[in-house]
Each structure stands twice: as C-alpha cells, then as structure tokens.
Amino acid sequence: MEKRFAIAMDVGGSHITTAIVDLNEMKVFENSFFKVSFDSNLPSKEVMDYWENAIRALWVKSQVKKLSGIAMAFPGPFDYHDGTCWIKDQDKYNNFYGLNIKDLLRERFDFDLDFPIVFENDAKSFGKGEVYKNMKNLPKNVMAITLGTGLGACFIENGKIINTGNNVPENGEIWNLPYKNGIAEDSVSLRGLLSNYQNLSGIQLNNGLELYLLAIEGDKKAIEAFHKFGDDLAEIVLPWLKSFNANMFVIGGKIANAGDLFLNIFKEKVKNAGIEMELVISTDNETTALLGAASLLYEA
C-alpha cells in the first residue's frame, strides 16, 4: 500500500499549528510540529504569508515528496464544504470574511483543482481526533465537548459526525440549548465559571487562572463555583448522553485542565442517572484537532 501523507493545520485566532499526518496509520508525526503566532486581524495577504511560510517550512522539514492533501481545523462561522470563511465581529480573521481559503492556498502553492483541501469545525475536529487516536474507538458512540471561552460539542458514530436526527441536538450543537434563564454556554464556559464565583463572593475576577489558584488554595467560594460548574455540565449533557446512547464521553478545552475541581460532582450525577460510559479527559487539544481534520482525508 502506497504511503499517504497530509499536512494538517489547526487554525486559531492568534496562532496556527501544523504537522504531518500519516494517513495510513492515522498518526501525527511528533517531531513535525510547527507553530506560528500572529495577529489574525492583519490584512489577509499578511496572514497568508504566515500560513504559507509555516506550510513550506513543515513540508521541507518532513522531506515528504508527495502530499495527499491539506486538512484544516477551522473555527466558525465557515462553509466547510466550499471553504469560504464567514467569521465576522469576533476579533479574529476580520479581513477574511467572504474569502475562499481553497482559492487562497491554490494561489500560493499552485495546487491542481483536484488536490484535496478539506475543512472541519475545530470542535468537531477535536472530537474526531480523540476517536482516531485509537482505532478501537471507531465503533463507539462518542459525545465530545470542549470547555473554554465557549462550549463546543460533537456526536460521533462509527467515526462519522452526526448532526441530524432525534438522538442529537440540532446541528449537533449544545452551546445554544435553553438552560435556566439563558443558554447552556452562559453556565458552562469560562464566563459561566467566573459568574458562579461573582454570584457567590461578589468579586469579579479577570480570568480562569485566578479562580483556579484560589480553589486549589482552599477558597471555599472558588471551590463551590467549580462544583456548580460540574453540576450544570451534568444537567446539560446527561439528556444527550442518554439519547445518543453514548459509551464514550470526551472532555477537552482549557477548563478540562481543572477537571479535579468539578469532575467528581459530574461523575456522581452520571452515576445517579444510571449511565455507564468511558470518560476521557483530553489535555492535548491541538494534536487531537490535527488528527481529526486529517480524518476527512483518511475517509476519502
């Protein structure tokens, strides 16, 4: 079997991470990582200069002669089939609105029209990457979420994203589900966590690290804020873990690093609901997102 290699890219608001993926083995080359930081609100030509330099440097470093495609994990709003960016008023990629990323890359690299350039949502890439890390996960029903400034989610069956049907929420998203007096993301996100602490203490903190440090130092209200977060998380995801019949639940994102402070509450509620599943905490979102994006080429 001919070896197939792809360049995978995780596109963030302030950086990109690229690596070579072996599509036969679905493995990321650990020594091929290339990360570049920049201001994504620069003119599109300047941002593309960063992208081009990163891809060329990685390609030369890897010594891979033939690529089978480029796969990108990209935040939304984005037309993932067509490759057009529709990000607007999000303080990132302000000058990319309406631009086709496939066309921009082909201009830089003179790729043929049939050269595969594929895109996946960053949260969905994370979920799929966790599945493809171990091929034994492919037959499983997997629900994956990312906890950070927002609340990302995806549902995966037999390695494929499920966005429709009665067993998953509309478009496979949970961030906008009605919850309490607002939506799920109001409670289960960084702002939800900080809001918990402000409601308990009357103190407004600037970032999650401050709250985390208070909690590990024994601040009772900080600990309670995390406990409430775990309780809200369970209330939001339990109905979908049940309806999707998930036997694997993956939690990623920066807040996952503080799992010791809220997961016991979450696990208790899961147990009381009679749900048995494998719980996976991922702390390597970038590698996972690269693998998840590349899975589109593996499946092709």
C-alpha atoms as a PDB file:
ATOM      1  CA  MET A   1       0.000   0.000   0.000  1.00  0.00           C
ATOM      2  CA  GLU A   2       1.311   3.413  -1.001  1.00  0.00           C
ATOM      3  CA  LYS A   3       2.058   5.654   1.953  1.00  0.00           C
ATOM      4  CA  ARG A   4      -0.152   8.737   2.097  1.00  0.00           C
ATOM      5  CA  PHE A   5       0.781  11.905   3.948  1.00  0.00           C
ATOM      6  CA  ALA A   6      -1.098  15.139   4.571  1.00  0.00           C
ATOM      7  CA  ILE A   7      -0.439  18.492   6.157  1.00  0.00           C
ATOM      8  CA  ALA A   8      -2.921  19.197   8.940  1.00  0.00           C
ATOM      9  CA  MET A   9      -3.444  22.668  10.356  1.00  0.00           C
ATOM     10  CA  ASP A  10      -5.243  23.826  13.490  1.00  0.00           C
ATOM     11  CA  VAL A  11      -6.298  27.433  12.903  1.00  0.00           C
ATOM     12  CA  GLY A  12      -6.627  29.623  15.979  1.00  0.00           C
ATOM     13  CA  GLY A  13      -7.315  33.300  16.460  1.00  0.00           C
ATOM     14  CA  SER A  14      -3.720  34.086  17.403  1.00  0.00           C
ATOM     15  CA  HIS A  15      -1.722  31.159  16.018  1.00  0.00           C
ATOM     16  CA  ILE A  16      -1.677  28.150  13.740  1.00  0.00           C
ATOM     17  CA  THR A  17      -0.262  24.719  14.486  1.00  0.00           C
ATOM     18  CA  THR A  18       0.719  22.455  11.612  1.00  0.00           C
ATOM     19  CA  ALA A  19       2.044  18.913  11.416  1.00  0.00           C
ATOM     20  CA  ILE A  20       2.423  15.997   9.037  1.00  0.00           C
ATOM     21  CA  VAL A  21      -0.122  13.188   9.419  1.00  0.00           C
ATOM     22  CA  ASP A  22       0.486   9.651   8.191  1.00  0.00           C
ATOM     23  CA  LEU A  23      -2.921   8.859   6.678  1.00  0.00           C
ATOM     24  CA  ASN A  24      -2.271   5.118   6.566  1.00  0.00           C
ATOM     25  CA  GLU A  25      -1.593   4.868  10.281  1.00  0.00           C
ATOM     26  CA  MET A  26      -3.558   7.985  11.296  1.00  0.00           C
ATOM     27  CA  LYS A  27      -0.624   9.191  13.366  1.00  0.00           C
ATOM     28  CA  VAL A  28       0.719  12.710  13.805  1.00  0.00           C
ATOM     29  CA  PHE A  29       4.481  12.932  13.337  1.00  0.00           C
ATOM     30  CA  GLU A  30       5.523  14.216  16.778  1.00  0.00           C
ATOM     31  CA  ASN A  31       8.713  15.865  15.544  1.00  0.00           C
ATOM     32  CA  SER A  32       6.954  17.629  12.674  1.00  0.00           C
ATOM     33  CA  PHE A  33       5.023  20.208  14.704  1.00  0.00           C
ATOM     34  CA  PHE A  34       5.350  23.794  13.556  1.00  0.00           C
ATOM     35  CA  LYS A  35       3.579  26.575  15.466  1.00  0.00           C
ATOM     36  CA  VAL A  36       3.390  30.233  14.460  1.00  0.00           C
ATOM     37  CA  SER A  37       1.834  33.104  16.416  1.00  0.00           C
ATOM     38  CA  PHE A  38       0.480  36.210  14.687  1.00  0.00           C
ATOM     39  CA  ASP A  39      -2.343  38.746  14.717  1.00  0.00           C
ATOM     40  CA  SER A  40      -5.151  37.207  12.663  1.00  0.00           C
ATOM     41  CA  ASN A  41      -6.697  40.670  12.161  1.00  0.00           C
ATOM     42  CA  LEU A  42      -3.821  41.702   9.915  1.00  0.00           C
ATOM     43  CA  PRO A  43      -4.624  42.110   6.203  1.00  0.00           C
ATOM     44  CA  SER A  44      -5.425  38.729   4.658  1.00  0.00           C
ATOM     45  CA  LYS A  45      -2.282  38.798   2.491  1.00  0.00           C
ATOM     46  CA  GLU A  46      -0.064  39.151   5.567  1.00  0.00           C
ATOM     47  CA  VAL A  47      -1.862  36.354   7.409  1.00  0.00           C
ATOM     48  CA  MET A  48      -1.490  34.139   4.347  1.00  0.00           C
ATOM     49  CA  ASP A  49       2.241  34.908   4.368  1.00  0.00           C
ATOM     50  CA  TYR A  50       2.420  33.339   7.833  1.00  0.00           C
ATOM     51  CA  TRP A  51       0.422  30.327   6.690  1.00  0.00           C
ATOM     52  CA  GLU A  52       2.485  29.836   3.545  1.00  0.00           C
ATOM     53  CA  ASN A  53       5.790  30.078   5.393  1.00  0.00           C
ATOM     54  CA  ALA A  54       4.625  27.581   8.013  1.00  0.00           C
ATOM     55  CA  ILE A  55       3.404  25.060   5.438  1.00  0.00           C
ATOM     56  CA  ARG A  56       6.542  25.353   3.302  1.00  0.00           C
ATOM     57  CA  ALA A  57       8.864  25.054   6.306  1.00  0.00           C
ATOM     58  CA  LEU A  58       6.988  21.992   7.554  1.00  0.00           C
ATOM     59  CA  TRP A  59       6.928  20.396   4.109  1.00  0.00           C
ATOM     60  CA  VAL A  60      10.689  20.846   3.648  1.00  0.00           C
ATOM     61  CA  LYS A  61      11.460  19.657   7.181  1.00  0.00           C
ATOM     62  CA  SER A  62       9.378  16.497   6.774  1.00  0.00           C
ATOM     63  CA  GLN A  63      11.066  15.512   3.486  1.00  0.00           C
ATOM     64  CA  VAL A  64       7.711  14.200   2.288  1.00  0.00           C
ATOM     65  CA  LYS A  65       7.817  14.377  -1.504  1.00  0.00           C
ATOM     66  CA  LYS A  66       4.137  13.942  -2.294  1.00  0.00           C
ATOM     67  CA  LEU A  67       1.188  15.260  -0.324  1.00  0.00           C
ATOM     68  CA  SER A  68      -2.251  13.665  -0.421  1.00  0.00           C
ATOM     69  CA  GLY A  69      -3.950  16.830   0.754  1.00  0.00           C
ATOM     70  CA  ILE A  70      -4.218  19.629   3.295  1.00  0.00           C
ATOM     71  CA  ALA A  71      -6.720  19.388   6.152  1.00  0.00           C
ATOM     72  CA  MET A  72      -7.649  22.338   8.346  1.00  0.00           C
ATOM     73  CA  ALA A  73      -9.489  22.588  11.657  1.00  0.00           C
ATOM     74  CA  PHE A  74     -11.185  25.980  11.431  1.00  0.00           C
ATOM     75  CA  PRO A  75     -13.470  27.948  13.769  1.00  0.00           C
ATOM     76  CA  GLY A  76     -16.881  29.007  12.535  1.00  0.00           C
ATOM     77  CA  PRO A  77     -18.867  30.502  11.007  1.00  0.00           C
ATOM     78  CA  PHE A  78     -17.356  28.773   7.983  1.00  0.00           C
ATOM     79  CA  ASP A  79     -18.602  26.922   4.888  1.00  0.00           C
ATOM     80  CA  TYR A  80     -16.750  23.685   5.476  1.00  0.00           C
ATOM     81  CA  HIS A  81     -17.685  22.184   2.108  1.00  0.00           C
ATOM     82  CA  ASP A  82     -16.905  25.200  -0.050  1.00  0.00           C
ATOM     83  CA  GLY A  83     -14.022  26.563   2.034  1.00  0.00           C
ATOM     84  CA  THR A  84     -15.375  30.096   2.492  1.00  0.00           C
ATOM     85  CA  CYS A  85     -14.764  31.964   5.751  1.00  0.00           C
ATOM     86  CA  TRP A  86     -17.744  33.816   7.241  1.00  0.00           C
ATOM     87  CA  ILE A  87     -16.156  34.913  10.531  1.00  0.00           C
ATOM     88  CA  LYS A  88     -17.282  38.409  11.437  1.00  0.00           C
ATOM     89  CA  ASP A  89     -17.111  40.645  14.525  1.00  0.00           C
ATOM     90  CA  GLN A  90     -15.234  38.022  16.584  1.00  0.00           C
ATOM     91  CA  ASP A  91     -11.904  39.855  16.883  1.00  0.00           C
ATOM     92  CA  LYS A  92     -10.208  37.289  14.663  1.00  0.00           C
ATOM     93  CA  TYR A  93      -9.756  36.976  10.896  1.00  0.00           C
ATOM     94  CA  ASN A  94     -11.643  40.228  10.368  1.00  0.00           C
ATOM     95  CA  ASN A  95     -10.274  40.538   6.836  1.00  0.00           C
ATOM     96  CA  PHE A  96     -11.192  37.007   5.725  1.00  0.00           C
ATOM     97  CA  TYR A  97     -14.969  37.469   5.609  1.00  0.00           C
ATOM     98  CA  GLY A  98     -16.245  36.042   2.315  1.00  0.00           C
ATOM     99  CA  LEU A  99     -12.815  34.797   1.184  1.00  0.00           C
ATOM    100  CA  ASN A 100     -12.374  31.249  -0.105  1.00  0.00           C
ATOM    101  CA  ILE A 101      -9.466  29.586   1.682  1.00  0.00           C
ATOM    102  CA  LYS A 102      -9.075  26.917  -1.001  1.00  0.00           C
ATOM    103  CA  ASP A 103      -8.518  29.618  -3.607  1.00  0.00           C
ATOM    104  CA  LEU A 104      -6.044  31.479  -1.391  1.00  0.00           C
ATOM    105  CA  LEU A 105      -3.982  28.323  -0.826  1.00  0.00           C
ATOM    106  CA  ARG A 106      -4.038  27.344  -4.507  1.00  0.00           C
ATOM    107  CA  GLU A 107      -2.760  30.797  -5.436  1.00  0.00           C
ATOM    108  CA  ARG A 108       0.192  30.328  -3.077  1.00  0.00           C
ATOM    109  CA  PHE A 109       1.082  26.731  -3.933  1.00  0.00           C
ATOM    110  CA  ASP A 110      -0.153  26.235  -7.479  1.00  0.00           C
ATOM    111  CA  PHE A 111      -2.135  23.160  -6.456  1.00  0.00           C
ATOM    112  CA  ASP A 112      -4.257  21.442  -9.102  1.00  0.00           C
ATOM    113  CA  LEU A 113      -8.020  21.853  -8.792  1.00  0.00           C
ATOM    114  CA  ASP A 114      -8.323  18.183  -7.820  1.00  0.00           C
ATOM    115  CA  PHE A 115      -5.764  18.470  -4.995  1.00  0.00           C
ATOM    116  CA  PRO A 116      -7.748  17.816  -1.787  1.00  0.00           C
ATOM    117  CA  ILE A 117      -8.079  20.773   0.588  1.00  0.00           C
ATOM    118  CA  VAL A 118     -10.601  19.937   3.296  1.00  0.00           C
ATOM    119  CA  PHE A 119     -12.012  21.703   6.346  1.00  0.00           C
ATOM    120  CA  GLU A 120     -13.648  20.671   9.593  1.00  0.00           C
ATOM    121  CA  ASN A 121     -15.024  22.644  12.510  1.00  0.00           C
ATOM    122  CA  ASP A 122     -12.432  22.928  15.282  1.00  0.00           C
ATOM    123  CA  ALA A 123     -14.672  21.389  17.970  1.00  0.00           C
ATOM    124  CA  LYS A 124     -15.660  18.526  15.668  1.00  0.00           C
ATOM    125  CA  SER A 125     -12.001  18.011  14.725  1.00  0.00           C
ATOM    126  CA  PHE A 126     -11.177  17.651  18.405  1.00  0.00           C
ATOM    127  CA  GLY A 127     -13.872  15.009  18.893  1.00  0.00           C
ATOM    128  CA  LYS A 128     -12.938  13.016  15.815  1.00  0.00           C
ATOM    129  CA  GLY A 129      -9.266  13.213  16.717  1.00  0.00           C
ATOM    130  CA  GLU A 130      -9.933  11.584  20.067  1.00  0.00           C
ATOM    131  CA  VAL A 131     -11.683   8.742  18.254  1.00  0.00           C
ATOM    132  CA  TYR A 132      -8.958   8.285  15.662  1.00  0.00           C
ATOM    133  CA  LYS A 133      -6.199   8.275  18.281  1.00  0.00           C
ATOM    134  CA  ASN A 134      -7.191   4.661  18.878  1.00  0.00           C
ATOM    135  CA  MET A 135      -8.888   2.793  16.053  1.00  0.00           C
ATOM    136  CA  LYS A 136     -10.662   0.645  18.650  1.00  0.00           C
ATOM    137  CA  ASN A 137     -12.828   3.701  19.296  1.00  0.00           C
ATOM    138  CA  LEU A 138     -14.280   3.753  15.774  1.00  0.00           C
ATOM    139  CA  PRO A 139     -17.330   1.537  16.523  1.00  0.00           C
ATOM    140  CA  LYS A 140     -18.261   3.602  19.589  1.00  0.00           C
ATOM    141  CA  ASN A 141     -20.908   6.254  20.048  1.00  0.00           C
ATOM    142  CA  VAL A 142     -18.890   9.231  21.215  1.00  0.00           C
ATOM    143  CA  MET A 143     -20.003  12.590  22.549  1.00  0.00           C
ATOM    144  CA  ALA A 144     -17.177  15.123  22.809  1.00  0.00           C
ATOM    145  CA  ILE A 145     -17.192  18.653  24.218  1.00  0.00           C
ATOM    146  CA  THR A 146     -14.708  21.483  24.581  1.00  0.00           C
ATOM    147  CA  LEU A 147     -14.845  23.729  27.638  1.00  0.00           C
ATOM    148  CA  GLY A 148     -13.292  27.167  27.274  1.00  0.00           C
ATOM    149  CA  THR A 149     -14.459  30.622  26.289  1.00  0.00           C
ATOM    150  CA  GLY A 150     -17.321  28.774  24.610  1.00  0.00           C
ATOM    151  CA  LEU A 151     -18.971  25.349  24.702  1.00  0.00           C
ATOM    152  CA  GLY A 152     -18.226  23.172  21.676  1.00  0.00           C
ATOM    153  CA  ALA A 153     -19.704  19.739  21.049  1.00  0.00           C
ATOM    154  CA  CYS A 154     -19.963  16.935  18.537  1.00  0.00           C
ATOM    155  CA  PHE A 155     -21.519  13.493  18.278  1.00  0.00           C
ATOM    156  CA  ILE A 156     -19.668  10.687  16.502  1.00  0.00           C
ATOM    157  CA  GLU A 157     -20.945   7.284  15.382  1.00  0.00           C
ATOM    158  CA  ASN A 158     -18.616   4.813  13.655  1.00  0.00           C
ATOM    159  CA  GLY A 159     -16.098   7.623  13.205  1.00  0.00           C
ATOM    160  CA  LYS A 160     -18.620   9.898  11.450  1.00  0.00           C
ATOM    161  CA  ILE A 161     -20.041  13.180  12.701  1.00  0.00           C
ATOM    162  CA  ILE A 162     -23.785  13.009  13.385  1.00  0.00           C
ATOM    163  CA  ASN A 163     -25.533  16.382  13.070  1.00  0.00           C
ATOM    164  CA  THR A 164     -29.122  15.344  12.428  1.00  0.00           C
ATOM    165  CA  GLY A 165     -31.742  13.010  13.839  1.00  0.00           C
ATOM    166  CA  ASN A 166     -33.775  12.724  17.010  1.00  0.00           C
ATOM    167  CA  ASN A 167     -30.853  11.447  19.085  1.00  0.00           C
ATOM    168  CA  VAL A 168     -28.725  14.607  18.842  1.00  0.00           C
ATOM    169  CA  PRO A 169     -29.498  18.333  19.199  1.00  0.00           C
ATOM    170  CA  GLU A 170     -29.895  20.476  16.094  1.00  0.00           C
ATOM    171  CA  ASN A 171     -26.623  20.614  14.128  1.00  0.00           C
ATOM    172  CA  GLY A 172     -25.018  18.555  16.907  1.00  0.00           C
ATOM    173  CA  GLU A 173     -24.530  21.729  18.978  1.00  0.00           C
ATOM    174  CA  ILE A 174     -25.326  22.227  22.660  1.00  0.00           C
ATOM    175  CA  TRP A 175     -23.958  25.732  23.317  1.00  0.00           C
ATOM    176  CA  ASN A 176     -27.258  27.359  22.364  1.00  0.00           C
ATOM    177  CA  LEU A 177     -29.624  24.965  24.146  1.00  0.00           C
ATOM    178  CA  PRO A 178     -32.043  26.724  26.520  1.00  0.00           C
ATOM    179  CA  TYR A 179     -30.805  26.438  30.098  1.00  0.00           C
ATOM    180  CA  LYS A 180     -32.092  28.226  33.178  1.00  0.00           C
ATOM    181  CA  ASN A 181     -32.597  31.894  32.219  1.00  0.00           C
ATOM    182  CA  GLY A 182     -30.340  31.780  29.187  1.00  0.00           C
ATOM    183  CA  ILE A 183     -28.452  29.213  27.129  1.00  0.00           C
ATOM    184  CA  ALA A 184     -26.084  26.389  28.039  1.00  0.00           C
ATOM    185  CA  GLU A 185     -22.959  28.374  27.184  1.00  0.00           C
ATOM    186  CA  ASP A 186     -23.898  31.033  29.737  1.00  0.00           C
ATOM    187  CA  SER A 187     -23.355  28.459  32.503  1.00  0.00           C
ATOM    188  CA  VAL A 188     -20.823  26.022  31.073  1.00  0.00           C
ATOM    189  CA  SER A 189     -17.984  28.175  29.793  1.00  0.00           C
ATOM    190  CA  LEU A 190     -15.320  30.429  31.245  1.00  0.00           C
ATOM    191  CA  ARG A 191     -17.801  33.266  31.699  1.00  0.00           C
ATOM    192  CA  GLY A 192     -20.184  30.863  33.457  1.00  0.00           C
ATOM    193  CA  LEU A 193     -17.447  29.753  35.830  1.00  0.00           C
ATOM    194  CA  LEU A 194     -16.431  33.319  36.648  1.00  0.00           C
ATOM    195  CA  SER A 195     -20.090  34.287  37.031  1.00  0.00           C
ATOM    196  CA  ASN A 196     -20.544  31.475  39.573  1.00  0.00           C
ATOM    197  CA  TYR A 197     -17.776  32.936  41.705  1.00  0.00           C
ATOM    198  CA  GLN A 198     -19.027  36.502  41.380  1.00  0.00           C
ATOM    199  CA  ASN A 199     -22.527  35.445  42.442  1.00  0.00           C
ATOM    200  CA  LEU A 200     -21.106  33.636  45.473  1.00  0.00           C
ATOM    201  CA  SER A 201     -18.493  36.165  46.556  1.00  0.00           C
ATOM    202  CA  GLY A 202     -19.403  39.486  44.968  1.00  0.00           C
ATOM    203  CA  ILE A 203     -15.901  39.567  43.464  1.00  0.00           C
ATOM    204  CA  GLN A 204     -15.326  39.811  39.707  1.00  0.00           C
ATOM    205  CA  LEU A 205     -12.143  38.024  38.616  1.00  0.00           C
ATOM    206  CA  ASN A 206     -10.314  38.716  35.370  1.00  0.00           C
ATOM    207  CA  ASN A 207      -9.541  35.184  34.230  1.00  0.00           C
ATOM    208  CA  GLY A 208      -9.905  31.494  34.939  1.00  0.00           C
ATOM    209  CA  LEU A 209      -6.383  31.087  36.280  1.00  0.00           C
ATOM    210  CA  GLU A 210      -7.146  33.410  39.195  1.00  0.00           C
ATOM    211  CA  LEU A 211     -10.176  31.318  40.114  1.00  0.00           C
ATOM    212  CA  TYR A 212      -8.250  28.066  39.734  1.00  0.00           C
ATOM    213  CA  LEU A 213      -5.468  29.268  42.037  1.00  0.00           C
ATOM    214  CA  LEU A 214      -7.998  30.379  44.643  1.00  0.00           C
ATOM    215  CA  ALA A 215      -9.683  26.980  44.516  1.00  0.00           C
ATOM    216  CA  ILE A 216      -6.514  24.924  44.917  1.00  0.00           C
ATOM    217  CA  GLU A 217      -5.510  27.204  47.814  1.00  0.00           C
ATOM    218  CA  GLY A 218      -8.754  26.226  49.555  1.00  0.00           C
ATOM    219  CA  ASP A 219     -11.023  29.221  48.923  1.00  0.00           C
ATOM    220  CA  LYS A 220     -14.453  27.753  49.695  1.00  0.00           C
ATOM    221  CA  LYS A 221     -16.398  30.004  47.329  1.00  0.00           C
ATOM    222  CA  ALA A 222     -13.982  29.267  44.488  1.00  0.00           C
ATOM    223  CA  ILE A 223     -14.371  25.536  45.128  1.00  0.00           C
ATOM    224  CA  GLU A 224     -18.139  25.937  45.227  1.00  0.00           C
ATOM    225  CA  ALA A 225     -18.025  27.792  41.887  1.00  0.00           C
ATOM    226  CA  PHE A 226     -16.333  24.788  40.281  1.00  0.00           C
ATOM    227  CA  HIS A 227     -18.782  22.379  41.944  1.00  0.00           C
ATOM    228  CA  LYS A 228     -21.700  24.336  40.491  1.00  0.00           C
ATOM    229  CA  PHE A 229     -19.979  24.207  37.106  1.00  0.00           C
ATOM    230  CA  GLY A 230     -19.810  20.405  37.320  1.00  0.00           C
ATOM    231  CA  ASP A 231     -23.457  20.246  38.322  1.00  0.00           C
ATOM    232  CA  ASP A 232     -24.524  22.462  35.396  1.00  0.00           C
ATOM    233  CA  LEU A 233     -22.385  20.443  32.988  1.00  0.00           C
ATOM    234  CA  ALA A 234     -24.133  17.239  34.029  1.00  0.00           C
ATOM    235  CA  GLU A 235     -27.596  18.775  33.734  1.00  0.00           C
ATOM    236  CA  ILE A 236     -26.849  19.931  30.187  1.00  0.00           C
ATOM    237  CA  VAL A 237     -25.172  16.819  28.739  1.00  0.00           C
ATOM    238  CA  LEU A 238     -26.961  13.958  30.533  1.00  0.00           C
ATOM    239  CA  PRO A 239     -30.090  14.031  28.317  1.00  0.00           C
ATOM    240  CA  TRP A 240     -27.908  13.774  25.201  1.00  0.00           C
ATOM    241  CA  LEU A 241     -25.619  11.093  26.594  1.00  0.00           C
ATOM    242  CA  LYS A 242     -28.797   9.065  27.140  1.00  0.00           C
ATOM    243  CA  SER A 243     -30.497   9.771  23.819  1.00  0.00           C
ATOM    244  CA  PHE A 244     -27.307   9.189  21.796  1.00  0.00           C
ATOM    245  CA  ASN A 245     -26.564   6.055  23.831  1.00  0.00           C
ATOM    246  CA  ALA A 246     -23.000   7.300  24.236  1.00  0.00           C
ATOM    247  CA  ASN A 247     -20.480   4.817  25.569  1.00  0.00           C
ATOM    248  CA  MET A 248     -17.610   7.323  25.475  1.00  0.00           C
ATOM    249  CA  PHE A 249     -17.633  10.955  26.631  1.00  0.00           C
ATOM    250  CA  VAL A 250     -14.639  13.180  25.894  1.00  0.00           C
ATOM    251  CA  ILE A 251     -13.962  16.499  27.609  1.00  0.00           C
ATOM    252  CA  GLY A 252     -11.356  18.894  26.238  1.00  0.00           C
ATOM    253  CA  GLY A 253     -10.600  22.603  26.239  1.00  0.00           C
ATOM    254  CA  LYS A 254      -8.624  24.666  28.729  1.00  0.00           C
ATOM    255  CA  ILE A 255     -11.127  24.181  31.564  1.00  0.00           C
ATOM    256  CA  ALA A 256     -10.608  20.418  31.292  1.00  0.00           C
ATOM    257  CA  ASN A 257      -7.202  21.011  32.894  1.00  0.00           C
ATOM    258  CA  ALA A 258      -9.076  21.907  36.099  1.00  0.00           C
ATOM    259  CA  GLY A 259     -11.100  18.702  35.994  1.00  0.00           C
ATOM    260  CA  ASP A 260     -10.110  17.697  39.528  1.00  0.00           C
ATOM    261  CA  LEU A 261     -12.243  20.581  40.791  1.00  0.00           C
ATOM    262  CA  PHE A 262     -15.539  19.727  39.072  1.00  0.00           C
ATOM    263  CA  LEU A 263     -15.468  16.177  37.712  1.00  0.00           C
ATOM    264  CA  ASN A 264     -16.312  14.423  40.983  1.00  0.00           C
ATOM    265  CA  ILE A 265     -19.639  16.272  41.064  1.00  0.00           C
ATOM    266  CA  PHE A 266     -20.190  15.465  37.406  1.00  0.00           C
ATOM    267  CA  LYS A 267     -19.366  11.764  37.843  1.00  0.00           C
ATOM    268  CA  GLU A 268     -21.719  11.481  40.803  1.00  0.00           C
ATOM    269  CA  LYS A 269     -24.624  12.840  38.766  1.00  0.00           C
ATOM    270  CA  VAL A 270     -23.808  10.500  35.878  1.00  0.00           C
ATOM    271  CA  LYS A 271     -23.756   7.525  38.239  1.00  0.00           C
ATOM    272  CA  ASN A 272     -27.060   8.555  39.836  1.00  0.00           C
ATOM    273  CA  ALA A 273     -28.570   8.757  36.336  1.00  0.00           C
ATOM    274  CA  GLY A 274     -27.608   5.133  35.748  1.00  0.00           C
ATOM    275  CA  ILE A 275     -25.319   5.906  32.818  1.00  0.00           C
ATOM    276  CA  GLU A 276     -22.268   3.732  32.231  1.00  0.00           C
ATOM    277  CA  MET A 277     -19.671   5.138  29.869  1.00  0.00           C
ATOM    278  CA  GLU A 278     -15.966   5.743  29.426  1.00  0.00           C
ATOM    279  CA  LEU A 279     -14.915   9.256  30.470  1.00  0.00           C
ATOM    280  CA  VAL A 280     -11.848  10.653  28.692  1.00  0.00           C
ATOM    281  CA  ILE A 281     -10.177  13.925  29.671  1.00  0.00           C
ATOM    282  CA  SER A 282      -8.062  15.328  26.858  1.00  0.00           C
ATOM    283  CA  THR A 283      -5.323  17.837  27.572  1.00  0.00           C
ATOM    284  CA  ASP A 284      -3.766  17.757  24.083  1.00  0.00           C
ATOM    285  CA  ASN A 285      -6.345  19.587  22.010  1.00  0.00           C
ATOM    286  CA  GLU A 286      -4.042  20.708  19.206  1.00  0.00           C
ATOM    287  CA  THR A 287      -2.687  17.258  18.346  1.00  0.00           C
ATOM    288  CA  THR A 288      -6.208  15.887  18.540  1.00  0.00           C
ATOM    289  CA  ALA A 289      -7.646  18.619  16.298  1.00  0.00           C
ATOM    290  CA  LEU A 290      -4.961  17.958  13.666  1.00  0.00           C
ATOM    291  CA  LEU A 291      -5.762  14.261  13.626  1.00  0.00           C
ATOM    292  CA  GLY A 292      -9.491  14.953  13.480  1.00  0.00           C
ATOM    293  CA  ALA A 293      -9.154  17.286  10.495  1.00  0.00           C
ATOM    294  CA  ALA A 294      -6.934  14.774   8.697  1.00  0.00           C
ATOM    295  CA  SER A 295      -9.545  12.061   9.223  1.00  0.00           C
ATOM    296  CA  LEU A 296     -11.505  13.669   6.360  1.00  0.00           C
ATOM    297  CA  LEU A 297      -8.700  12.580   4.043  1.00  0.00           C
ATOM    298  CA  TYR A 298      -8.479   9.155   5.673  1.00  0.00           C
ATOM    299  CA  GLU A 299     -12.174   8.650   4.952  1.00  0.00           C
ATOM    300  CA  ALA A 300     -11.913   9.924   1.367  1.00  0.00           C
END
